[in-house]
Amino acid sequence: DPYDGFPESYLIHGGRTPNNEISSSLYMLTMDSRGCNRKLTLCCKEKELVGELPEARYGHTMSMVQSHGKTACVLFGGRTFMPAGERTTESWNSVVDCPPQVFLFDLEFGCSSAHTLPELSDGQSFHLAFAREDCVYFLGGHSITSDSRPPRVYRLRVELLQGSPLLSCETLHTGISISSAITTRIGPSHRYIILGGYQSDSQKRMGCSMVVLDEKEIHIEPLEPPKWTQDIVHSRTWFGG
């Protein structure tokens, strides 16, 4: 969202290509509609980062937090290639969950810092993230190590103090077992719809949920799903987030 004179923008980080290349680049995409004809122009610039940098990854999330008049980007989770020393010819393209670290980006100065919290003990990927003010909620996701989708929520609080930021984390057991779902925000309020995803490797999640963030909690409520077409119902593949 627009903040302190910065325009509304979209952040793009990482990703995996069909050629099994994984990126570590960060791009900022902004929209410009100047001129008498109000023509919409997209501007994409690569943002250079310095400090403790996250490795190339995909299946992660990025969220924006605001605290004490400052703003920062929170990156968590994702997958990357197995370390070079452990890869063989047969496992050359094998992937592992990234270490469960939290990375903070200062987009104004391009500084990145890594943070380890005891509550975040397992790597996870293809989860959902919802942010409000100084808190980010990490919902669901899949862990390669345990091959599971734990029904939990992590609430991460980020205080952007003078000097070093202060991070704290709490585990909430009020989540849902889900990965690779689509989420979309509804209007200006902190309300979201979760659509699709996987409950297990062989079971698609055909239901929908409403997520509401108030000032202190996250609330997840069932929502009536649309009438799926037979192509979607019987397809083995679910195109999620």
C-alpha atoms as a PDB file:
ATOM      1  CA  ASP A   1       0.000   0.000   0.000  1.00  0.00           C
ATOM      2  CA  PRO A   2       1.139   3.652  -0.430  1.00  0.00           C
ATOM      3  CA  TYR A   3       3.236   4.732   2.559  1.00  0.00           C
ATOM      4  CA  ASP A   4       5.194   7.906   3.387  1.00  0.00           C
ATOM      5  CA  GLY A   5       5.229   9.169  -0.170  1.00  0.00           C
ATOM      6  CA  PHE A   6       6.021   5.812  -1.766  1.00  0.00           C
ATOM      7  CA  PRO A   7       3.604   4.791  -4.530  1.00  0.00           C
ATOM      8  CA  GLU A   8       1.566   1.611  -4.441  1.00  0.00           C
ATOM      9  CA  SER A   9       3.836  -1.169  -5.632  1.00  0.00           C
ATOM     10  CA  TYR A  10       4.201  -4.912  -6.000  1.00  0.00           C
ATOM     11  CA  LEU A  11       7.236  -6.878  -4.880  1.00  0.00           C
ATOM     12  CA  ILE A  12       8.439  -9.911  -6.829  1.00  0.00           C
ATOM     13  CA  HIS A  13      11.106 -12.158  -5.341  1.00  0.00           C
ATOM     14  CA  GLY A  14      12.513 -15.548  -6.327  1.00  0.00           C
ATOM     15  CA  GLY A  15      10.610 -18.126  -8.299  1.00  0.00           C
ATOM     16  CA  ARG A  16      11.385 -21.296 -10.207  1.00  0.00           C
ATOM     17  CA  THR A  17      11.458 -21.577 -13.991  1.00  0.00           C
ATOM     18  CA  PRO A  18      10.580 -24.607 -16.148  1.00  0.00           C
ATOM     19  CA  ASN A  19      14.345 -24.988 -16.730  1.00  0.00           C
ATOM     20  CA  ASN A  20      14.825 -25.621 -12.981  1.00  0.00           C
ATOM     21  CA  GLU A  21      16.472 -22.278 -12.367  1.00  0.00           C
ATOM     22  CA  ILE A  22      15.702 -20.610  -9.032  1.00  0.00           C
ATOM     23  CA  SER A  23      16.039 -16.848  -8.676  1.00  0.00           C
ATOM     24  CA  SER A  24      17.169 -14.699  -5.750  1.00  0.00           C
ATOM     25  CA  SER A  25      16.367 -11.358  -7.400  1.00  0.00           C
ATOM     26  CA  LEU A  26      13.998  -8.776  -5.932  1.00  0.00           C
ATOM     27  CA  TYR A  27      11.955  -6.538  -8.228  1.00  0.00           C
ATOM     28  CA  MET A  28       9.661  -3.622  -7.493  1.00  0.00           C
ATOM     29  CA  LEU A  29       6.769  -3.150  -9.898  1.00  0.00           C
ATOM     30  CA  THR A  30       4.963   0.214  -9.876  1.00  0.00           C
ATOM     31  CA  MET A  31       2.195   1.742 -11.977  1.00  0.00           C
ATOM     32  CA  ASP A  32       2.288   5.194 -13.525  1.00  0.00           C
ATOM     33  CA  SER A  33      -0.792   6.733 -15.161  1.00  0.00           C
ATOM     34  CA  ARG A  34       0.492  10.209 -15.968  1.00  0.00           C
ATOM     35  CA  GLY A  35      -0.376  12.142 -19.121  1.00  0.00           C
ATOM     36  CA  CYS A  36      -3.512  13.542 -20.643  1.00  0.00           C
ATOM     37  CA  ASN A  37      -4.570  10.184 -22.066  1.00  0.00           C
ATOM     38  CA  ARG A  38      -4.128   8.523 -18.634  1.00  0.00           C
ATOM     39  CA  LYS A  39      -2.253   5.668 -20.275  1.00  0.00           C
ATOM     40  CA  LEU A  40      -1.199   3.048 -17.724  1.00  0.00           C
ATOM     41  CA  THR A  41       2.542   2.363 -17.669  1.00  0.00           C
ATOM     42  CA  LEU A  42       4.263  -0.367 -15.668  1.00  0.00           C
ATOM     43  CA  CYS A  43       7.751   0.255 -14.329  1.00  0.00           C
ATOM     44  CA  CYS A  44       9.821  -2.699 -13.073  1.00  0.00           C
ATOM     45  CA  LYS A  45      13.172  -2.135 -11.335  1.00  0.00           C
ATOM     46  CA  GLU A  46      15.495  -4.624  -9.679  1.00  0.00           C
ATOM     47  CA  LYS A  47      16.180  -3.763  -6.044  1.00  0.00           C
ATOM     48  CA  GLU A  48      19.703  -4.433  -4.848  1.00  0.00           C
ATOM     49  CA  LEU A  49      20.002  -5.790  -1.307  1.00  0.00           C
ATOM     50  CA  VAL A  50      22.987  -5.781   1.039  1.00  0.00           C
ATOM     51  CA  GLY A  51      23.633  -7.530   4.352  1.00  0.00           C
ATOM     52  CA  GLU A  52      22.335 -11.011   5.226  1.00  0.00           C
ATOM     53  CA  LEU A  53      20.712 -12.101   1.979  1.00  0.00           C
ATOM     54  CA  PRO A  54      18.156 -14.914   1.540  1.00  0.00           C
ATOM     55  CA  GLU A  55      19.174 -17.695  -0.798  1.00  0.00           C
ATOM     56  CA  ALA A  56      17.367 -18.271  -4.070  1.00  0.00           C
ATOM     57  CA  ARG A  57      13.967 -19.845  -3.388  1.00  0.00           C
ATOM     58  CA  TYR A  58      10.359 -20.361  -4.453  1.00  0.00           C
ATOM     59  CA  GLY A  59       7.144 -21.181  -2.589  1.00  0.00           C
ATOM     60  CA  HIS A  60       7.801 -18.458   0.021  1.00  0.00           C
ATOM     61  CA  THR A  61       5.853 -15.382   1.117  1.00  0.00           C
ATOM     62  CA  MET A  62       6.593 -11.669   1.460  1.00  0.00           C
ATOM     63  CA  SER A  63       4.575  -9.308   3.634  1.00  0.00           C
ATOM     64  CA  MET A  64       4.776  -5.650   4.598  1.00  0.00           C
ATOM     65  CA  VAL A  65       4.757  -4.535   8.247  1.00  0.00           C
ATOM     66  CA  GLN A  66       4.539  -1.055   9.774  1.00  0.00           C
ATOM     67  CA  SER A  67       5.831  -0.184  13.228  1.00  0.00           C
ATOM     68  CA  HIS A  68       6.900   3.014  14.991  1.00  0.00           C
ATOM     69  CA  GLY A  69       6.525   5.028  11.802  1.00  0.00           C
ATOM     70  CA  LYS A  70       8.693   2.644   9.760  1.00  0.00           C
ATOM     71  CA  THR A  71       7.929  -0.013   7.191  1.00  0.00           C
ATOM     72  CA  ALA A  72       9.731  -3.242   6.288  1.00  0.00           C
ATOM     73  CA  CYS A  73       9.252  -6.335   4.153  1.00  0.00           C
ATOM     74  CA  VAL A  74       9.113  -9.768   5.821  1.00  0.00           C
ATOM     75  CA  LEU A  75      10.238 -12.844   3.850  1.00  0.00           C
ATOM     76  CA  PHE A  76       9.691 -16.370   5.175  1.00  0.00           C
ATOM     77  CA  GLY A  77       9.793 -19.973   3.997  1.00  0.00           C
ATOM     78  CA  GLY A  78      10.257 -21.457   0.577  1.00  0.00           C
ATOM     79  CA  ARG A  79      12.292 -24.165  -1.111  1.00  0.00           C
ATOM     80  CA  THR A  80      15.674 -24.276  -2.757  1.00  0.00           C
ATOM     81  CA  PHE A  81      17.996 -26.838  -4.263  1.00  0.00           C
ATOM     82  CA  MET A  82      19.713 -29.373  -2.065  1.00  0.00           C
ATOM     83  CA  PRO A  83      23.220 -28.131  -1.060  1.00  0.00           C
ATOM     84  CA  ALA A  84      25.798 -28.764  -3.767  1.00  0.00           C
ATOM     85  CA  GLY A  85      27.868 -31.063  -1.530  1.00  0.00           C
ATOM     86  CA  GLU A  86      24.883 -33.374  -0.990  1.00  0.00           C
ATOM     87  CA  ARG A  87      23.654 -33.564  -4.578  1.00  0.00           C
ATOM     88  CA  THR A  88      24.256 -36.570  -6.796  1.00  0.00           C
ATOM     89  CA  THR A  89      23.447 -37.207 -10.439  1.00  0.00           C
ATOM     90  CA  GLU A  90      20.130 -38.766  -9.421  1.00  0.00           C
ATOM     91  CA  SER A  91      19.213 -35.979  -6.979  1.00  0.00           C
ATOM     92  CA  TRP A  92      20.623 -33.031  -8.918  1.00  0.00           C
ATOM     93  CA  ASN A  93      17.260 -31.240  -9.082  1.00  0.00           C
ATOM     94  CA  SER A  94      16.078 -32.301  -5.613  1.00  0.00           C
ATOM     95  CA  VAL A  95      14.808 -29.491  -3.411  1.00  0.00           C
ATOM     96  CA  VAL A  96      14.681 -28.929   0.349  1.00  0.00           C
ATOM     97  CA  ASP A  97      12.840 -26.477   2.574  1.00  0.00           C
ATOM     98  CA  CYS A  98      14.868 -23.368   3.315  1.00  0.00           C
ATOM     99  CA  PRO A  99      15.975 -22.917   6.949  1.00  0.00           C
ATOM    100  CA  PRO A 100      13.132 -21.414   9.048  1.00  0.00           C
ATOM    101  CA  GLN A 101      14.646 -17.943   9.199  1.00  0.00           C
ATOM    102  CA  VAL A 102      12.837 -14.636   8.881  1.00  0.00           C
ATOM    103  CA  PHE A 103      14.395 -11.995   6.627  1.00  0.00           C
ATOM    104  CA  LEU A 104      13.641  -8.288   6.975  1.00  0.00           C
ATOM    105  CA  PHE A 105      14.149  -5.914   4.044  1.00  0.00           C
ATOM    106  CA  ASP A 106      14.486  -2.158   4.443  1.00  0.00           C
ATOM    107  CA  LEU A 107      13.328  -1.147   0.968  1.00  0.00           C
ATOM    108  CA  GLU A 108      14.486   2.460   1.349  1.00  0.00           C
ATOM    109  CA  PHE A 109      18.152   1.598   1.963  1.00  0.00           C
ATOM    110  CA  GLY A 110      18.198  -1.960   0.577  1.00  0.00           C
ATOM    111  CA  CYS A 111      19.366  -3.558   3.844  1.00  0.00           C
ATOM    112  CA  SER A 112      18.529  -7.200   4.615  1.00  0.00           C
ATOM    113  CA  SER A 113      18.826  -8.970   7.969  1.00  0.00           C
ATOM    114  CA  ALA A 114      18.227 -12.612   8.988  1.00  0.00           C
ATOM    115  CA  HIS A 115      16.503 -13.610  12.235  1.00  0.00           C
ATOM    116  CA  THR A 116      16.111 -17.004  13.920  1.00  0.00           C
ATOM    117  CA  LEU A 117      13.265 -17.643  16.358  1.00  0.00           C
ATOM    118  CA  PRO A 118      12.887 -20.814  18.482  1.00  0.00           C
ATOM    119  CA  GLU A 119       9.202 -21.194  17.630  1.00  0.00           C
ATOM    120  CA  LEU A 120      10.028 -21.517  13.920  1.00  0.00           C
ATOM    121  CA  SER A 121      11.772 -24.886  14.045  1.00  0.00           C
ATOM    122  CA  ASP A 122      10.722 -26.394  10.697  1.00  0.00           C
ATOM    123  CA  GLY A 123      10.994 -25.103   7.180  1.00  0.00           C
ATOM    124  CA  GLN A 124       7.709 -24.720   5.328  1.00  0.00           C
ATOM    125  CA  SER A 125       6.635 -23.804   1.828  1.00  0.00           C
ATOM    126  CA  PHE A 126       3.503 -22.880  -0.118  1.00  0.00           C
ATOM    127  CA  HIS A 127       1.915 -21.395   3.007  1.00  0.00           C
ATOM    128  CA  LEU A 128      -0.210 -18.238   3.246  1.00  0.00           C
ATOM    129  CA  ALA A 129       0.742 -14.975   4.918  1.00  0.00           C
ATOM    130  CA  PHE A 130      -1.549 -12.198   6.168  1.00  0.00           C
ATOM    131  CA  ALA A 131      -0.202  -8.926   7.553  1.00  0.00           C
ATOM    132  CA  ARG A 132      -1.740  -6.152   9.618  1.00  0.00           C
ATOM    133  CA  GLU A 133       0.348  -3.322  11.088  1.00  0.00           C
ATOM    134  CA  ASP A 134       3.260  -4.949  12.977  1.00  0.00           C
ATOM    135  CA  CYS A 135       2.026  -8.588  12.812  1.00  0.00           C
ATOM    136  CA  VAL A 136       2.241 -11.278  10.141  1.00  0.00           C
ATOM    137  CA  TYR A 137       0.261 -14.530  10.369  1.00  0.00           C
ATOM    138  CA  PHE A 138       1.732 -17.581   8.599  1.00  0.00           C
ATOM    139  CA  LEU A 139      -1.005 -20.122   7.877  1.00  0.00           C
ATOM    140  CA  GLY A 140      -0.608 -23.724   6.728  1.00  0.00           C
ATOM    141  CA  GLY A 141       2.109 -24.789   4.334  1.00  0.00           C
ATOM    142  CA  HIS A 142       3.902 -28.041   3.591  1.00  0.00           C
ATOM    143  CA  SER A 143       7.072 -29.358   5.233  1.00  0.00           C
ATOM    144  CA  ILE A 144       9.293 -31.731   3.258  1.00  0.00           C
ATOM    145  CA  THR A 145      10.983 -33.066   6.398  1.00  0.00           C
ATOM    146  CA  SER A 146       7.757 -34.283   8.024  1.00  0.00           C
ATOM    147  CA  ASP A 147       5.719 -34.491   4.792  1.00  0.00           C
ATOM    148  CA  SER A 148       2.846 -32.797   6.590  1.00  0.00           C
ATOM    149  CA  ARG A 149       0.575 -29.753   6.515  1.00  0.00           C
ATOM    150  CA  PRO A 150       0.182 -28.877  10.211  1.00  0.00           C
ATOM    151  CA  PRO A 151      -3.066 -27.023  11.065  1.00  0.00           C
ATOM    152  CA  ARG A 152      -1.318 -24.198  12.882  1.00  0.00           C
ATOM    153  CA  VAL A 153      -0.782 -20.478  12.604  1.00  0.00           C
ATOM    154  CA  TYR A 154       2.367 -18.567  13.502  1.00  0.00           C
ATOM    155  CA  ARG A 155       1.900 -14.980  14.636  1.00  0.00           C
ATOM    156  CA  LEU A 156       5.069 -12.989  14.065  1.00  0.00           C
ATOM    157  CA  ARG A 157       5.354  -9.534  15.602  1.00  0.00           C
ATOM    158  CA  VAL A 158       7.965  -7.132  14.261  1.00  0.00           C
ATOM    159  CA  GLU A 159       8.877  -3.987  16.214  1.00  0.00           C
ATOM    160  CA  LEU A 160      11.001  -1.666  14.098  1.00  0.00           C
ATOM    161  CA  LEU A 161      12.903   0.010  16.915  1.00  0.00           C
ATOM    162  CA  GLN A 162      15.833   2.373  16.649  1.00  0.00           C
ATOM    163  CA  GLY A 163      18.884   0.240  15.940  1.00  0.00           C
ATOM    164  CA  SER A 164      17.951  -3.428  15.749  1.00  0.00           C
ATOM    165  CA  PRO A 165      14.377  -4.680  15.186  1.00  0.00           C
ATOM    166  CA  LEU A 166      12.714  -6.853  17.821  1.00  0.00           C
ATOM    167  CA  LEU A 167      10.944 -10.005  16.605  1.00  0.00           C
ATOM    168  CA  SER A 168       8.703 -12.323  18.620  1.00  0.00           C
ATOM    169  CA  CYS A 169       6.641 -15.324  17.563  1.00  0.00           C
ATOM    170  CA  GLU A 170       3.657 -17.229  18.948  1.00  0.00           C
ATOM    171  CA  THR A 171       2.148 -20.520  17.778  1.00  0.00           C
ATOM    172  CA  LEU A 172      -1.637 -20.653  17.464  1.00  0.00           C
ATOM    173  CA  HIS A 173      -3.412 -23.984  16.982  1.00  0.00           C
ATOM    174  CA  THR A 174      -6.413 -22.499  15.240  1.00  0.00           C
ATOM    175  CA  GLY A 175      -5.355 -22.937  11.628  1.00  0.00           C
ATOM    176  CA  ILE A 176      -6.266 -25.286   8.801  1.00  0.00           C
ATOM    177  CA  SER A 177      -4.266 -27.957   7.009  1.00  0.00           C
ATOM    178  CA  ILE A 178      -3.629 -26.405   3.609  1.00  0.00           C
ATOM    179  CA  SER A 179      -0.941 -25.606   1.061  1.00  0.00           C
ATOM    180  CA  SER A 180      -0.708 -23.963  -2.373  1.00  0.00           C
ATOM    181  CA  ALA A 181      -3.969 -22.082  -1.952  1.00  0.00           C
ATOM    182  CA  ILE A 182      -5.090 -18.862  -3.596  1.00  0.00           C
ATOM    183  CA  THR A 183      -5.835 -15.903  -1.345  1.00  0.00           C
ATOM    184  CA  THR A 184      -7.307 -12.536  -2.249  1.00  0.00           C
ATOM    185  CA  ARG A 185      -8.058  -9.458  -0.184  1.00  0.00           C
ATOM    186  CA  ILE A 186     -11.604  -8.100  -0.129  1.00  0.00           C
ATOM    187  CA  GLY A 187     -11.733  -4.321  -0.288  1.00  0.00           C
ATOM    188  CA  PRO A 188      -9.836  -1.984   2.062  1.00  0.00           C
ATOM    189  CA  SER A 189     -10.564  -3.990   5.222  1.00  0.00           C
ATOM    190  CA  HIS A 190      -8.408  -6.843   6.518  1.00  0.00           C
ATOM    191  CA  ARG A 191     -10.661  -9.568   5.097  1.00  0.00           C
ATOM    192  CA  TYR A 192      -9.455 -12.301   2.749  1.00  0.00           C
ATOM    193  CA  ILE A 193     -10.856 -15.299   0.885  1.00  0.00           C
ATOM    194  CA  ILE A 194      -8.882 -18.573   0.708  1.00  0.00           C
ATOM    195  CA  LEU A 195      -9.673 -20.699  -2.302  1.00  0.00           C
ATOM    196  CA  GLY A 196      -8.502 -24.176  -3.316  1.00  0.00           C
ATOM    197  CA  GLY A 197      -5.171 -25.667  -2.332  1.00  0.00           C
ATOM    198  CA  TYR A 198      -4.222 -29.135  -1.089  1.00  0.00           C
ATOM    199  CA  GLN A 199      -5.128 -30.965   2.117  1.00  0.00           C
ATOM    200  CA  SER A 200      -2.720 -33.782   1.240  1.00  0.00           C
ATOM    201  CA  ASP A 201      -0.647 -34.780  -1.777  1.00  0.00           C
ATOM    202  CA  SER A 202      -3.600 -36.710  -3.180  1.00  0.00           C
ATOM    203  CA  GLN A 203      -6.515 -34.611  -1.890  1.00  0.00           C
ATOM    204  CA  LYS A 204      -7.483 -31.214  -3.199  1.00  0.00           C
ATOM    205  CA  ARG A 205      -9.212 -28.762  -0.894  1.00  0.00           C
ATOM    206  CA  MET A 206     -12.499 -27.934  -2.573  1.00  0.00           C
ATOM    207  CA  GLY A 207     -13.782 -25.694   0.213  1.00  0.00           C
ATOM    208  CA  CYS A 208     -13.356 -21.965   0.836  1.00  0.00           C
ATOM    209  CA  SER A 209     -12.569 -19.936   3.928  1.00  0.00           C
ATOM    210  CA  MET A 210     -12.851 -16.338   5.077  1.00  0.00           C
ATOM    211  CA  VAL A 211      -9.943 -14.856   7.039  1.00  0.00           C
ATOM    212  CA  VAL A 212     -10.475 -11.739   9.162  1.00  0.00           C
ATOM    213  CA  LEU A 213      -7.663  -9.904  10.960  1.00  0.00           C
ATOM    214  CA  ASP A 214      -8.709  -7.716  13.856  1.00  0.00           C
ATOM    215  CA  GLU A 215      -6.352  -5.703  16.033  1.00  0.00           C
ATOM    216  CA  LYS A 216      -5.273  -8.722  18.096  1.00  0.00           C
ATOM    217  CA  GLU A 217      -6.347 -12.007  16.466  1.00  0.00           C
ATOM    218  CA  ILE A 218      -6.897 -13.931  13.262  1.00  0.00           C
ATOM    219  CA  HIS A 219     -10.320 -15.489  12.628  1.00  0.00           C
ATOM    220  CA  ILE A 220     -10.895 -18.250  10.049  1.00  0.00           C
ATOM    221  CA  GLU A 221     -14.461 -19.031   9.052  1.00  0.00           C
ATOM    222  CA  PRO A 222     -15.879 -21.511   6.494  1.00  0.00           C
ATOM    223  CA  LEU A 223     -17.336 -20.005   3.365  1.00  0.00           C
ATOM    224  CA  GLU A 224     -19.754 -21.493   0.849  1.00  0.00           C
ATOM    225  CA  PRO A 225     -17.646 -22.617  -2.138  1.00  0.00           C
ATOM    226  CA  PRO A 226     -18.682 -21.983  -5.728  1.00  0.00           C
ATOM    227  CA  LYS A 227     -20.227 -24.738  -7.833  1.00  0.00           C
ATOM    228  CA  TRP A 228     -17.134 -26.325  -9.331  1.00  0.00           C
ATOM    229  CA  THR A 229     -17.260 -27.570 -12.893  1.00  0.00           C
ATOM    230  CA  GLN A 230     -16.712 -31.279 -13.499  1.00  0.00           C
ATOM    231  CA  ASP A 231     -13.333 -30.506 -15.091  1.00  0.00           C
ATOM    232  CA  ILE A 232     -12.125 -29.065 -11.791  1.00  0.00           C
ATOM    233  CA  VAL A 233     -13.747 -31.731  -9.611  1.00  0.00           C
ATOM    234  CA  HIS A 234     -12.194 -34.661 -11.487  1.00  0.00           C
ATOM    235  CA  SER A 235      -8.852 -33.122 -12.375  1.00  0.00           C
ATOM    236  CA  ARG A 236      -5.833 -34.561 -10.567  1.00  0.00           C
ATOM    237  CA  THR A 237      -4.112 -31.183 -10.617  1.00  0.00           C
ATOM    238  CA  TRP A 238      -5.236 -28.133  -8.709  1.00  0.00           C
ATOM    239  CA  PHE A 239      -3.763 -24.851  -9.894  1.00  0.00           C
ATOM    240  CA  GLY A 240      -3.284 -23.053  -6.619  1.00  0.00           C
ATOM    241  CA  GLY A 241      -1.156 -20.111  -5.606  1.00  0.00           C
END
